[in-house]
N, C-alpha and C. Protein backbone atom coordinates (compact mmCIF):
# COMPACT_ATOMS: atom_id res chain seq x y z
N MET A 1 -110.03 -17.94 -52.90
CA MET A 1 -110.33 -19.06 -52.03
C MET A 1 -110.38 -18.57 -50.58
N LYS A 2 -111.49 -18.81 -49.94
CA LYS A 2 -111.68 -18.39 -48.56
C LYS A 2 -110.82 -19.23 -47.62
N ARG A 3 -110.15 -18.55 -46.67
CA ARG A 3 -109.26 -19.25 -45.73
C ARG A 3 -109.58 -18.83 -44.30
N ASP A 4 -109.17 -19.68 -43.37
CA ASP A 4 -109.23 -19.36 -41.95
C ASP A 4 -107.91 -18.72 -41.57
N VAL A 5 -107.97 -17.50 -41.05
CA VAL A 5 -106.77 -16.74 -40.72
C VAL A 5 -106.82 -16.37 -39.25
N VAL A 6 -105.70 -16.58 -38.56
CA VAL A 6 -105.56 -16.18 -37.16
C VAL A 6 -104.52 -15.07 -37.09
N VAL A 7 -104.88 -14.00 -36.41
CA VAL A 7 -103.96 -12.90 -36.16
C VAL A 7 -103.63 -12.92 -34.67
N LEU A 8 -102.35 -13.13 -34.36
CA LEU A 8 -101.90 -13.20 -32.97
C LEU A 8 -101.36 -11.84 -32.54
N LEU A 9 -101.96 -11.28 -31.51
CA LEU A 9 -101.48 -10.02 -30.94
C LEU A 9 -100.74 -10.38 -29.66
N THR A 10 -99.41 -10.25 -29.71
CA THR A 10 -98.57 -10.79 -28.63
C THR A 10 -97.89 -9.72 -27.78
N ARG A 11 -98.00 -8.47 -28.15
CA ARG A 11 -97.25 -7.42 -27.45
C ARG A 11 -98.19 -6.51 -26.67
N ALA A 12 -97.68 -5.91 -25.62
CA ALA A 12 -98.47 -4.99 -24.79
C ALA A 12 -98.96 -3.82 -25.64
N PRO A 13 -100.11 -3.25 -25.29
CA PRO A 13 -100.73 -2.25 -26.16
C PRO A 13 -100.08 -0.87 -26.16
N TYR A 14 -99.40 -0.49 -25.10
CA TYR A 14 -98.90 0.89 -25.04
C TYR A 14 -97.43 0.97 -25.42
N GLY A 15 -97.07 2.06 -26.11
CA GLY A 15 -95.69 2.30 -26.49
C GLY A 15 -95.26 1.58 -27.74
N GLN A 16 -96.17 0.84 -28.37
CA GLN A 16 -95.86 0.10 -29.58
C GLN A 16 -97.07 0.14 -30.50
N VAL A 17 -96.86 -0.16 -31.76
CA VAL A 17 -97.96 -0.12 -32.73
C VAL A 17 -98.48 -1.51 -33.10
N HIS A 18 -98.00 -2.54 -32.43
CA HIS A 18 -98.32 -3.90 -32.85
C HIS A 18 -99.82 -4.23 -32.76
N ILE A 19 -100.49 -3.82 -31.70
CA ILE A 19 -101.91 -4.16 -31.57
C ILE A 19 -102.75 -3.43 -32.62
N PRO A 20 -102.66 -2.10 -32.76
CA PRO A 20 -103.48 -1.49 -33.81
C PRO A 20 -103.10 -1.95 -35.22
N GLU A 21 -101.83 -2.19 -35.47
CA GLU A 21 -101.43 -2.67 -36.79
C GLU A 21 -101.92 -4.10 -37.04
N GLY A 22 -101.90 -4.93 -36.01
CA GLY A 22 -102.44 -6.28 -36.14
C GLY A 22 -103.93 -6.26 -36.41
N LEU A 23 -104.65 -5.37 -35.72
CA LEU A 23 -106.09 -5.24 -35.96
C LEU A 23 -106.37 -4.69 -37.35
N ARG A 24 -105.54 -3.76 -37.80
CA ARG A 24 -105.69 -3.21 -39.15
C ARG A 24 -105.50 -4.32 -40.19
N ALA A 25 -104.51 -5.15 -39.98
CA ALA A 25 -104.27 -6.27 -40.89
C ALA A 25 -105.44 -7.25 -40.86
N ALA A 26 -105.95 -7.54 -39.67
CA ALA A 26 -107.09 -8.46 -39.54
C ALA A 26 -108.30 -7.93 -40.27
N ARG A 27 -108.55 -6.65 -40.10
CA ARG A 27 -109.68 -6.01 -40.78
C ARG A 27 -109.52 -6.12 -42.29
N GLY A 28 -108.32 -5.87 -42.78
CA GLY A 28 -108.07 -5.95 -44.21
C GLY A 28 -108.24 -7.35 -44.76
N VAL A 29 -107.75 -8.33 -44.02
CA VAL A 29 -107.90 -9.73 -44.45
C VAL A 29 -109.37 -10.12 -44.48
N ALA A 30 -110.12 -9.71 -43.48
CA ALA A 30 -111.54 -10.07 -43.39
C ALA A 30 -112.35 -9.40 -44.50
N ALA A 31 -111.96 -8.18 -44.89
CA ALA A 31 -112.73 -7.42 -45.86
C ALA A 31 -112.24 -7.62 -47.29
N GLY A 32 -111.20 -8.38 -47.46
CA GLY A 32 -110.63 -8.57 -48.78
C GLY A 32 -111.56 -9.29 -49.75
N PHE A 33 -111.10 -9.46 -50.94
CA PHE A 33 -111.89 -10.05 -52.02
C PHE A 33 -112.50 -11.40 -51.63
N ASP A 34 -111.72 -12.23 -50.94
CA ASP A 34 -112.21 -13.57 -50.58
C ASP A 34 -112.97 -13.61 -49.27
N MET A 35 -112.98 -12.48 -48.53
CA MET A 35 -113.72 -12.40 -47.26
C MET A 35 -113.34 -13.56 -46.33
N HIS A 36 -112.07 -13.67 -46.01
CA HIS A 36 -111.56 -14.74 -45.16
C HIS A 36 -112.18 -14.69 -43.77
N ASP A 37 -112.24 -15.84 -43.11
CA ASP A 37 -112.68 -15.92 -41.72
C ASP A 37 -111.49 -15.57 -40.84
N VAL A 38 -111.64 -14.55 -40.00
CA VAL A 38 -110.53 -14.05 -39.20
C VAL A 38 -110.83 -14.16 -37.72
N THR A 39 -109.85 -14.69 -36.98
CA THR A 39 -109.89 -14.71 -35.53
C THR A 39 -108.66 -13.96 -35.02
N VAL A 40 -108.89 -12.93 -34.21
CA VAL A 40 -107.81 -12.20 -33.57
C VAL A 40 -107.64 -12.77 -32.18
N ILE A 41 -106.43 -13.19 -31.84
CA ILE A 41 -106.17 -13.76 -30.52
C ILE A 41 -105.20 -12.86 -29.77
N PHE A 42 -105.68 -12.30 -28.66
CA PHE A 42 -104.83 -11.53 -27.76
C PHE A 42 -104.12 -12.55 -26.86
N THR A 43 -102.82 -12.69 -27.00
CA THR A 43 -102.06 -13.67 -26.24
C THR A 43 -100.77 -13.05 -25.74
N GLN A 44 -100.06 -13.76 -24.88
CA GLN A 44 -98.85 -13.24 -24.24
C GLN A 44 -99.20 -11.86 -23.66
N ASP A 45 -98.33 -10.86 -23.81
CA ASP A 45 -98.64 -9.53 -23.26
C ASP A 45 -99.75 -8.83 -24.02
N GLY A 46 -100.14 -9.36 -25.15
CA GLY A 46 -101.26 -8.79 -25.90
C GLY A 46 -102.58 -8.86 -25.16
N VAL A 47 -102.68 -9.75 -24.16
CA VAL A 47 -103.95 -9.84 -23.40
C VAL A 47 -104.28 -8.52 -22.72
N TYR A 48 -103.28 -7.71 -22.42
CA TYR A 48 -103.56 -6.41 -21.82
C TYR A 48 -104.38 -5.53 -22.77
N GLY A 49 -104.24 -5.74 -24.05
CA GLY A 49 -105.00 -4.99 -25.04
C GLY A 49 -106.45 -5.42 -25.15
N ALA A 50 -106.80 -6.55 -24.57
CA ALA A 50 -108.18 -7.04 -24.60
C ALA A 50 -109.00 -6.52 -23.42
N ARG A 51 -108.34 -5.83 -22.51
CA ARG A 51 -109.06 -5.34 -21.31
C ARG A 51 -110.01 -4.20 -21.66
N ASP A 52 -111.10 -4.14 -20.93
CA ASP A 52 -112.10 -3.10 -21.11
C ASP A 52 -111.51 -1.72 -20.79
N ALA A 53 -110.54 -1.67 -19.90
CA ALA A 53 -109.95 -0.40 -19.46
C ALA A 53 -109.05 0.25 -20.51
N VAL A 54 -108.70 -0.48 -21.55
CA VAL A 54 -107.81 0.06 -22.58
C VAL A 54 -108.54 1.17 -23.35
N ASP A 55 -107.86 2.26 -23.59
CA ASP A 55 -108.42 3.38 -24.36
C ASP A 55 -108.25 3.06 -25.84
N ARG A 56 -109.27 2.46 -26.42
CA ARG A 56 -109.20 2.03 -27.82
C ARG A 56 -109.03 3.19 -28.78
N ASP A 57 -109.62 4.33 -28.45
CA ASP A 57 -109.47 5.49 -29.33
C ASP A 57 -108.02 5.98 -29.34
N ALA A 58 -107.41 6.07 -28.16
CA ALA A 58 -106.03 6.54 -28.06
C ALA A 58 -105.07 5.60 -28.77
N LEU A 59 -105.40 4.32 -28.79
CA LEU A 59 -104.54 3.33 -29.44
C LEU A 59 -104.92 3.07 -30.90
N ASN A 60 -105.85 3.86 -31.42
CA ASN A 60 -106.29 3.70 -32.81
C ASN A 60 -106.84 2.30 -33.07
N MET A 61 -107.59 1.77 -32.11
CA MET A 61 -108.15 0.43 -32.23
C MET A 61 -109.63 0.44 -32.62
N ALA A 62 -110.36 1.47 -32.21
CA ALA A 62 -111.82 1.46 -32.30
C ALA A 62 -112.33 1.22 -33.72
N GLY A 63 -111.81 1.94 -34.69
CA GLY A 63 -112.27 1.76 -36.06
C GLY A 63 -111.96 0.38 -36.62
N HIS A 64 -110.78 -0.12 -36.28
CA HIS A 64 -110.39 -1.46 -36.75
C HIS A 64 -111.30 -2.53 -36.14
N VAL A 65 -111.61 -2.38 -34.85
CA VAL A 65 -112.47 -3.34 -34.17
C VAL A 65 -113.88 -3.31 -34.77
N ALA A 66 -114.40 -2.11 -35.02
CA ALA A 66 -115.73 -1.98 -35.62
C ALA A 66 -115.78 -2.61 -37.01
N ASP A 67 -114.76 -2.35 -37.81
CA ASP A 67 -114.72 -2.93 -39.16
C ASP A 67 -114.60 -4.45 -39.11
N LEU A 68 -113.80 -4.95 -38.19
CA LEU A 68 -113.65 -6.40 -38.05
C LEU A 68 -114.99 -7.03 -37.66
N ALA A 69 -115.71 -6.39 -36.76
CA ALA A 69 -117.02 -6.90 -36.34
C ALA A 69 -118.00 -6.92 -37.51
N GLU A 70 -117.96 -5.89 -38.36
CA GLU A 70 -118.83 -5.85 -39.55
C GLU A 70 -118.56 -7.01 -40.49
N GLN A 71 -117.32 -7.50 -40.50
CA GLN A 71 -116.93 -8.60 -41.37
C GLN A 71 -117.04 -9.95 -40.66
N ASP A 72 -117.71 -9.97 -39.51
CA ASP A 72 -117.91 -11.19 -38.71
C ASP A 72 -116.61 -11.79 -38.18
N GLY A 73 -115.60 -10.96 -38.03
CA GLY A 73 -114.37 -11.42 -37.39
C GLY A 73 -114.61 -11.57 -35.89
N GLN A 74 -113.81 -12.39 -35.26
CA GLN A 74 -113.97 -12.56 -33.82
C GLN A 74 -112.67 -12.23 -33.10
N MET A 75 -112.83 -11.76 -31.87
CA MET A 75 -111.67 -11.44 -31.04
C MET A 75 -111.71 -12.32 -29.80
N VAL A 76 -110.55 -12.86 -29.45
CA VAL A 76 -110.43 -13.84 -28.39
C VAL A 76 -109.25 -13.49 -27.49
N ALA A 77 -109.43 -13.66 -26.20
CA ALA A 77 -108.32 -13.52 -25.25
C ALA A 77 -107.90 -14.91 -24.80
N ASP A 78 -106.62 -15.14 -24.73
CA ASP A 78 -106.03 -16.41 -24.31
C ASP A 78 -106.11 -16.53 -22.79
N GLY A 79 -106.96 -17.43 -22.31
CA GLY A 79 -107.16 -17.59 -20.88
C GLY A 79 -105.89 -17.96 -20.12
N ALA A 80 -105.02 -18.76 -20.72
CA ALA A 80 -103.77 -19.14 -20.06
C ALA A 80 -102.85 -17.93 -19.92
N ALA A 81 -102.76 -17.11 -20.96
CA ALA A 81 -101.93 -15.91 -20.89
C ALA A 81 -102.50 -14.94 -19.86
N MET A 82 -103.82 -14.87 -19.77
CA MET A 82 -104.45 -14.02 -18.76
C MET A 82 -104.07 -14.49 -17.36
N ALA A 83 -104.15 -15.78 -17.13
CA ALA A 83 -103.83 -16.33 -15.81
C ALA A 83 -102.38 -16.05 -15.43
N GLU A 84 -101.47 -16.18 -16.38
CA GLU A 84 -100.05 -15.92 -16.12
C GLU A 84 -99.80 -14.46 -15.75
N ARG A 85 -100.70 -13.58 -16.16
CA ARG A 85 -100.51 -12.14 -15.95
C ARG A 85 -101.52 -11.57 -14.94
N ASP A 86 -102.24 -12.44 -14.27
CA ASP A 86 -103.24 -12.03 -13.27
C ASP A 86 -104.29 -11.09 -13.86
N VAL A 87 -104.69 -11.33 -15.09
CA VAL A 87 -105.77 -10.58 -15.71
C VAL A 87 -107.04 -11.40 -15.54
N ASP A 88 -108.03 -10.83 -14.86
CA ASP A 88 -109.28 -11.53 -14.58
C ASP A 88 -110.23 -11.43 -15.78
N GLU A 89 -111.04 -12.44 -15.96
CA GLU A 89 -112.00 -12.45 -17.07
C GLU A 89 -112.93 -11.24 -17.00
N ALA A 90 -113.24 -10.77 -15.81
CA ALA A 90 -114.12 -9.61 -15.65
C ALA A 90 -113.49 -8.33 -16.22
N GLU A 91 -112.18 -8.32 -16.41
CA GLU A 91 -111.49 -7.15 -16.95
C GLU A 91 -111.53 -7.09 -18.47
N ILE A 92 -111.94 -8.17 -19.11
CA ILE A 92 -111.90 -8.26 -20.57
C ILE A 92 -113.11 -7.56 -21.18
N ALA A 93 -112.89 -6.86 -22.28
CA ALA A 93 -113.96 -6.13 -22.97
C ALA A 93 -115.07 -7.09 -23.39
N ASP A 94 -116.29 -6.56 -23.46
CA ASP A 94 -117.46 -7.38 -23.78
C ASP A 94 -117.41 -8.01 -25.17
N ASP A 95 -116.69 -7.39 -26.09
CA ASP A 95 -116.65 -7.92 -27.46
C ASP A 95 -115.48 -8.89 -27.68
N VAL A 96 -114.83 -9.29 -26.60
CA VAL A 96 -113.72 -10.25 -26.66
C VAL A 96 -114.11 -11.49 -25.86
N MET A 97 -114.04 -12.64 -26.49
CA MET A 97 -114.32 -13.91 -25.81
C MET A 97 -113.05 -14.42 -25.14
N VAL A 98 -113.20 -15.13 -24.05
CA VAL A 98 -112.06 -15.77 -23.39
C VAL A 98 -112.11 -17.25 -23.70
N TRP A 99 -111.01 -17.76 -24.24
CA TRP A 99 -110.91 -19.17 -24.58
C TRP A 99 -109.82 -19.84 -23.75
N SER A 100 -110.01 -21.12 -23.52
CA SER A 100 -109.01 -21.92 -22.82
C SER A 100 -107.77 -22.10 -23.71
N ASP A 101 -106.68 -22.49 -23.07
CA ASP A 101 -105.43 -22.73 -23.79
C ASP A 101 -105.61 -23.78 -24.88
N ASP A 102 -106.35 -24.84 -24.58
CA ASP A 102 -106.57 -25.91 -25.56
C ASP A 102 -107.33 -25.39 -26.78
N ARG A 103 -108.33 -24.56 -26.53
CA ARG A 103 -109.12 -24.04 -27.65
C ARG A 103 -108.30 -23.07 -28.49
N VAL A 104 -107.49 -22.24 -27.85
CA VAL A 104 -106.61 -21.31 -28.58
C VAL A 104 -105.62 -22.11 -29.43
N THR A 105 -105.01 -23.11 -28.83
CA THR A 105 -104.04 -23.95 -29.54
C THR A 105 -104.67 -24.63 -30.75
N ALA A 106 -105.87 -25.16 -30.57
CA ALA A 106 -106.56 -25.83 -31.67
C ALA A 106 -106.88 -24.85 -32.80
N ARG A 107 -107.30 -23.65 -32.44
CA ARG A 107 -107.63 -22.65 -33.47
C ARG A 107 -106.39 -22.27 -34.29
N ILE A 108 -105.28 -22.10 -33.60
CA ILE A 108 -104.04 -21.76 -34.31
C ILE A 108 -103.61 -22.93 -35.20
N ARG A 109 -103.66 -24.13 -34.66
CA ARG A 109 -103.26 -25.32 -35.41
C ARG A 109 -104.12 -25.51 -36.66
N ASP A 110 -105.42 -25.25 -36.55
CA ASP A 110 -106.35 -25.49 -37.65
C ASP A 110 -106.40 -24.35 -38.68
N ALA A 111 -105.78 -23.23 -38.38
CA ALA A 111 -105.81 -22.09 -39.29
C ALA A 111 -105.03 -22.38 -40.57
N ASP A 112 -105.52 -21.82 -41.66
CA ASP A 112 -104.78 -21.91 -42.92
C ASP A 112 -103.57 -20.99 -42.91
N ARG A 113 -103.70 -19.85 -42.25
CA ARG A 113 -102.61 -18.87 -42.17
C ARG A 113 -102.63 -18.22 -40.80
N THR A 114 -101.43 -17.84 -40.33
CA THR A 114 -101.34 -17.06 -39.09
C THR A 114 -100.46 -15.82 -39.34
N LEU A 115 -100.83 -14.75 -38.70
CA LEU A 115 -100.05 -13.52 -38.74
C LEU A 115 -99.73 -13.17 -37.29
N ASP A 116 -98.50 -12.78 -37.03
CA ASP A 116 -98.02 -12.53 -35.67
C ASP A 116 -97.63 -11.07 -35.53
N PHE A 117 -98.25 -10.39 -34.56
CA PHE A 117 -97.91 -8.98 -34.30
C PHE A 117 -97.52 -8.82 -32.84
């Protein structure tokens, strides 16, 4: 049964494995037997991982992001978390959409499952 799954990336990208592991999980969920619809949300300190300046290769993110894109997964940065951390929308990578707090909240609320990293 196909489900809507949200993967929340909440931790800063450097010095921890949460962002690449969260992306790996998202990729796996999207590519699984049921081909679930997956939205990855960079929120809290995770918004730093959505920046264009992040070295995706060094963080082992590039392959996971490419695989997620092949499965029509989407990546989103939480605009409210960005504002709290003075991260400008211009700093966000081109393959990451910026959503308002209301839209992020609605997506999480409407998801069948959420995973938190």
